[in-house]
Amino acid sequence: MTEDGRRADIERIIAPLTENMPKAGDFGFDAIRRLGNPMPMLVHNEGQERLGLWLEPFGQDYWLEPGEAVHVTSYGTWSDHPFETVHEPGRLTVWATSWFATVTDREGDEFPPGRRDTTP
């Protein structure tokens, strides 16, 4: 790939951040929601084990117990599609291509990041 081709790929990835950041002001939960244009995706752990949900591009981890569900919502603008997902054993990685996303419970309240207990 040429230098121009690599630069074009980088610009395509960075464009949503460049557009959304001035409107958001920061990466806080409320600031992100004010961007508007919400695009929610339901993530439901129907397995028997705890499921790790990794939200990128910021590397936030969330842990869903069996039967638990959350909405990952992308805000602002993005190029082509709001999410990319990758499944690995015990973990789902969700990349918000807008660079701005929230994780909420079914009632719309902020879902806490990190593990919520101390058992493995």
C-alpha atoms as a PDB file:
ATOM      1  CA  MET A   1       0.000   0.000   0.000  1.00  0.00           C
ATOM      2  CA  THR A   2       1.255   3.465  -0.817  1.00  0.00           C
ATOM      3  CA  GLU A   3       1.772   6.234   1.700  1.00  0.00           C
ATOM      4  CA  ASP A   4      -1.236   8.055   0.193  1.00  0.00           C
ATOM      5  CA  GLY A   5      -3.362   4.917   0.607  1.00  0.00           C
ATOM      6  CA  ARG A   6      -2.354   4.515   4.257  1.00  0.00           C
ATOM      7  CA  ARG A   7      -3.060   8.178   4.914  1.00  0.00           C
ATOM      8  CA  ALA A   8      -6.520   7.861   3.320  1.00  0.00           C
ATOM      9  CA  ASP A   9      -7.293   4.879   5.598  1.00  0.00           C
ATOM     10  CA  ILE A  10      -6.214   6.850   8.663  1.00  0.00           C
ATOM     11  CA  GLU A  11      -8.271   9.871   7.615  1.00  0.00           C
ATOM     12  CA  ARG A  12     -11.356   7.671   7.132  1.00  0.00           C
ATOM     13  CA  ILE A  13     -10.985   6.292  10.671  1.00  0.00           C
ATOM     14  CA  ILE A  14     -10.231   9.684  12.277  1.00  0.00           C
ATOM     15  CA  ALA A  15     -12.937  11.673  10.419  1.00  0.00           C
ATOM     16  CA  PRO A  16     -15.761  10.821  12.876  1.00  0.00           C
ATOM     17  CA  LEU A  17     -13.592  11.801  15.844  1.00  0.00           C
ATOM     18  CA  THR A  18     -12.681  15.093  14.191  1.00  0.00           C
ATOM     19  CA  GLU A  19     -16.361  15.835  13.527  1.00  0.00           C
ATOM     20  CA  ASN A  20     -17.822  14.631  16.819  1.00  0.00           C
ATOM     21  CA  MET A  21     -15.261  15.827  19.376  1.00  0.00           C
ATOM     22  CA  PRO A  22     -15.973  19.578  19.096  1.00  0.00           C
ATOM     23  CA  LYS A  23     -19.701  18.884  19.539  1.00  0.00           C
ATOM     24  CA  ALA A  24     -19.247  16.584  22.551  1.00  0.00           C
ATOM     25  CA  GLY A  25     -16.583  18.562  24.390  1.00  0.00           C
ATOM     26  CA  ASP A  26     -15.564  15.542  26.439  1.00  0.00           C
ATOM     27  CA  PHE A  27     -16.037  11.787  26.659  1.00  0.00           C
ATOM     28  CA  GLY A  28     -18.458  11.875  29.598  1.00  0.00           C
ATOM     29  CA  PHE A  29     -21.723   9.920  29.568  1.00  0.00           C
ATOM     30  CA  ASP A  30     -23.976  13.004  29.342  1.00  0.00           C
ATOM     31  CA  ALA A  31     -21.792  14.798  26.774  1.00  0.00           C
ATOM     32  CA  ILE A  32     -21.851  11.759  24.500  1.00  0.00           C
ATOM     33  CA  ARG A  33     -25.644  11.449  24.712  1.00  0.00           C
ATOM     34  CA  ARG A  34     -26.047  15.119  23.741  1.00  0.00           C
ATOM     35  CA  LEU A  35     -24.400  14.347  20.371  1.00  0.00           C
ATOM     36  CA  GLY A  36     -27.709  12.843  19.267  1.00  0.00           C
ATOM     37  CA  ASN A  37     -28.245  10.427  16.407  1.00  0.00           C
ATOM     38  CA  PRO A  38     -28.371   7.418  18.757  1.00  0.00           C
ATOM     39  CA  MET A  39     -27.918   3.998  17.192  1.00  0.00           C
ATOM     40  CA  PRO A  40     -28.464   1.302  19.854  1.00  0.00           C
ATOM     41  CA  MET A  41     -27.385  -2.322  19.676  1.00  0.00           C
ATOM     42  CA  LEU A  42     -28.687  -4.851  22.207  1.00  0.00           C
ATOM     43  CA  VAL A  43     -26.065  -7.156  23.701  1.00  0.00           C
ATOM     44  CA  HIS A  44     -27.593 -10.059  25.638  1.00  0.00           C
ATOM     45  CA  ASN A  45     -25.600 -12.727  27.449  1.00  0.00           C
ATOM     46  CA  GLU A  46     -27.578 -15.890  26.847  1.00  0.00           C
ATOM     47  CA  GLY A  47     -24.674 -18.115  27.921  1.00  0.00           C
ATOM     48  CA  GLN A  48     -23.991 -19.883  31.196  1.00  0.00           C
ATOM     49  CA  GLU A  49     -20.832 -17.893  32.041  1.00  0.00           C
ATOM     50  CA  ARG A  50     -20.013 -14.241  32.596  1.00  0.00           C
ATOM     51  CA  LEU A  51     -19.433 -12.420  29.279  1.00  0.00           C
ATOM     52  CA  GLY A  52     -16.834  -9.700  28.894  1.00  0.00           C
ATOM     53  CA  LEU A  53     -17.930  -6.765  26.742  1.00  0.00           C
ATOM     54  CA  TRP A  54     -14.986  -4.669  25.567  1.00  0.00           C
ATOM     55  CA  LEU A  55     -15.921  -1.226  24.215  1.00  0.00           C
ATOM     56  CA  GLU A  56     -13.410   0.355  21.859  1.00  0.00           C
ATOM     57  CA  PRO A  57     -11.730   2.657  21.007  1.00  0.00           C
ATOM     58  CA  PHE A  58     -11.263   3.385  24.712  1.00  0.00           C
ATOM     59  CA  GLY A  59     -10.782  -0.113  26.087  1.00  0.00           C
ATOM     60  CA  GLN A  60     -13.627   0.023  28.604  1.00  0.00           C
ATOM     61  CA  ASP A  61     -14.602  -3.358  29.996  1.00  0.00           C
ATOM     62  CA  TYR A  62     -18.084  -4.389  31.103  1.00  0.00           C
ATOM     63  CA  TRP A  63     -19.142  -7.751  32.502  1.00  0.00           C
ATOM     64  CA  LEU A  64     -22.536  -9.275  31.818  1.00  0.00           C
ATOM     65  CA  GLU A  65     -23.820 -12.057  34.011  1.00  0.00           C
ATOM     66  CA  PRO A  66     -25.853 -14.879  32.404  1.00  0.00           C
ATOM     67  CA  GLY A  67     -29.234 -13.478  31.372  1.00  0.00           C
ATOM     68  CA  GLU A  68     -28.080  -9.857  31.623  1.00  0.00           C
ATOM     69  CA  ALA A  69     -28.528  -7.439  28.684  1.00  0.00           C
ATOM     70  CA  VAL A  70     -27.294  -3.934  27.876  1.00  0.00           C
ATOM     71  CA  HIS A  71     -27.595  -1.446  25.046  1.00  0.00           C
ATOM     72  CA  VAL A  72     -24.399  -0.215  23.434  1.00  0.00           C
ATOM     73  CA  THR A  73     -25.339   3.033  21.711  1.00  0.00           C
ATOM     74  CA  SER A  74     -23.250   4.952  19.196  1.00  0.00           C
ATOM     75  CA  TYR A  75     -23.782   8.721  18.945  1.00  0.00           C
ATOM     76  CA  GLY A  76     -22.809  11.465  16.517  1.00  0.00           C
ATOM     77  CA  THR A  77     -21.695  10.579  13.017  1.00  0.00           C
ATOM     78  CA  TRP A  78     -19.686   7.720  11.582  1.00  0.00           C
ATOM     79  CA  SER A  79     -18.416   6.504   8.241  1.00  0.00           C
ATOM     80  CA  ASP A  80     -20.570   3.720   6.768  1.00  0.00           C
ATOM     81  CA  HIS A  81     -21.659   1.789   9.907  1.00  0.00           C
ATOM     82  CA  PRO A  82     -21.906   2.590  13.650  1.00  0.00           C
ATOM     83  CA  PHE A  83     -20.260  -0.588  15.014  1.00  0.00           C
ATOM     84  CA  GLU A  84     -17.817  -3.334  14.300  1.00  0.00           C
ATOM     85  CA  THR A  85     -17.906  -6.449  16.483  1.00  0.00           C
ATOM     86  CA  VAL A  86     -15.538  -9.310  17.164  1.00  0.00           C
ATOM     87  CA  HIS A  87     -16.465 -12.389  19.179  1.00  0.00           C
ATOM     88  CA  GLU A  88     -13.863 -14.396  21.058  1.00  0.00           C
ATOM     89  CA  PRO A  89     -14.488 -17.082  23.687  1.00  0.00           C
ATOM     90  CA  GLY A  90     -15.940 -15.305  26.710  1.00  0.00           C
ATOM     91  CA  ARG A  91     -15.715 -11.836  25.194  1.00  0.00           C
ATOM     92  CA  LEU A  92     -17.409  -9.578  22.675  1.00  0.00           C
ATOM     93  CA  THR A  93     -15.497  -6.542  21.445  1.00  0.00           C
ATOM     94  CA  VAL A  94     -17.592  -3.663  20.090  1.00  0.00           C
ATOM     95  CA  TRP A  95     -15.837  -0.825  18.247  1.00  0.00           C
ATOM     96  CA  ALA A  96     -17.919   2.367  18.054  1.00  0.00           C
ATOM     97  CA  THR A  97     -16.821   3.801  14.726  1.00  0.00           C
ATOM     98  CA  SER A  98     -18.168   7.220  15.778  1.00  0.00           C
ATOM     99  CA  TRP A  99     -15.662   7.160  18.685  1.00  0.00           C
ATOM    100  CA  PHE A 100     -18.559   8.011  21.026  1.00  0.00           C
ATOM    101  CA  ALA A 101     -20.722   5.360  22.671  1.00  0.00           C
ATOM    102  CA  THR A 102     -22.466   4.552  25.922  1.00  0.00           C
ATOM    103  CA  VAL A 103     -23.428   1.330  27.652  1.00  0.00           C
ATOM    104  CA  THR A 104     -26.775   1.393  29.441  1.00  0.00           C
ATOM    105  CA  ASP A 105     -29.112  -1.050  31.105  1.00  0.00           C
ATOM    106  CA  ARG A 106     -32.554  -1.701  29.636  1.00  0.00           C
ATOM    107  CA  GLU A 107     -33.968   1.295  31.522  1.00  0.00           C
ATOM    108  CA  GLY A 108     -31.437   3.649  29.915  1.00  0.00           C
ATOM    109  CA  ASP A 109     -29.293   4.145  33.023  1.00  0.00           C
ATOM    110  CA  GLU A 110     -25.511   4.097  32.743  1.00  0.00           C
ATOM    111  CA  PHE A 111     -24.202   0.542  33.134  1.00  0.00           C
ATOM    112  CA  PRO A 112     -21.125   0.367  35.379  1.00  0.00           C
ATOM    113  CA  PRO A 113     -17.820  -0.557  33.730  1.00  0.00           C
ATOM    114  CA  GLY A 114     -15.508  -3.135  35.266  1.00  0.00           C
ATOM    115  CA  ARG A 115     -16.238  -6.258  37.222  1.00  0.00           C
ATOM    116  CA  ARG A 116     -18.929  -5.924  39.819  1.00  0.00           C
ATOM    117  CA  ASP A 117     -17.653  -8.641  42.141  1.00  0.00           C
ATOM    118  CA  THR A 118     -14.395 -10.199  43.233  1.00  0.00           C
ATOM    119  CA  THR A 119     -15.006 -13.831  42.248  1.00  0.00           C
ATOM    120  CA  PRO A 120     -13.182 -15.133  39.162  1.00  0.00           C
END
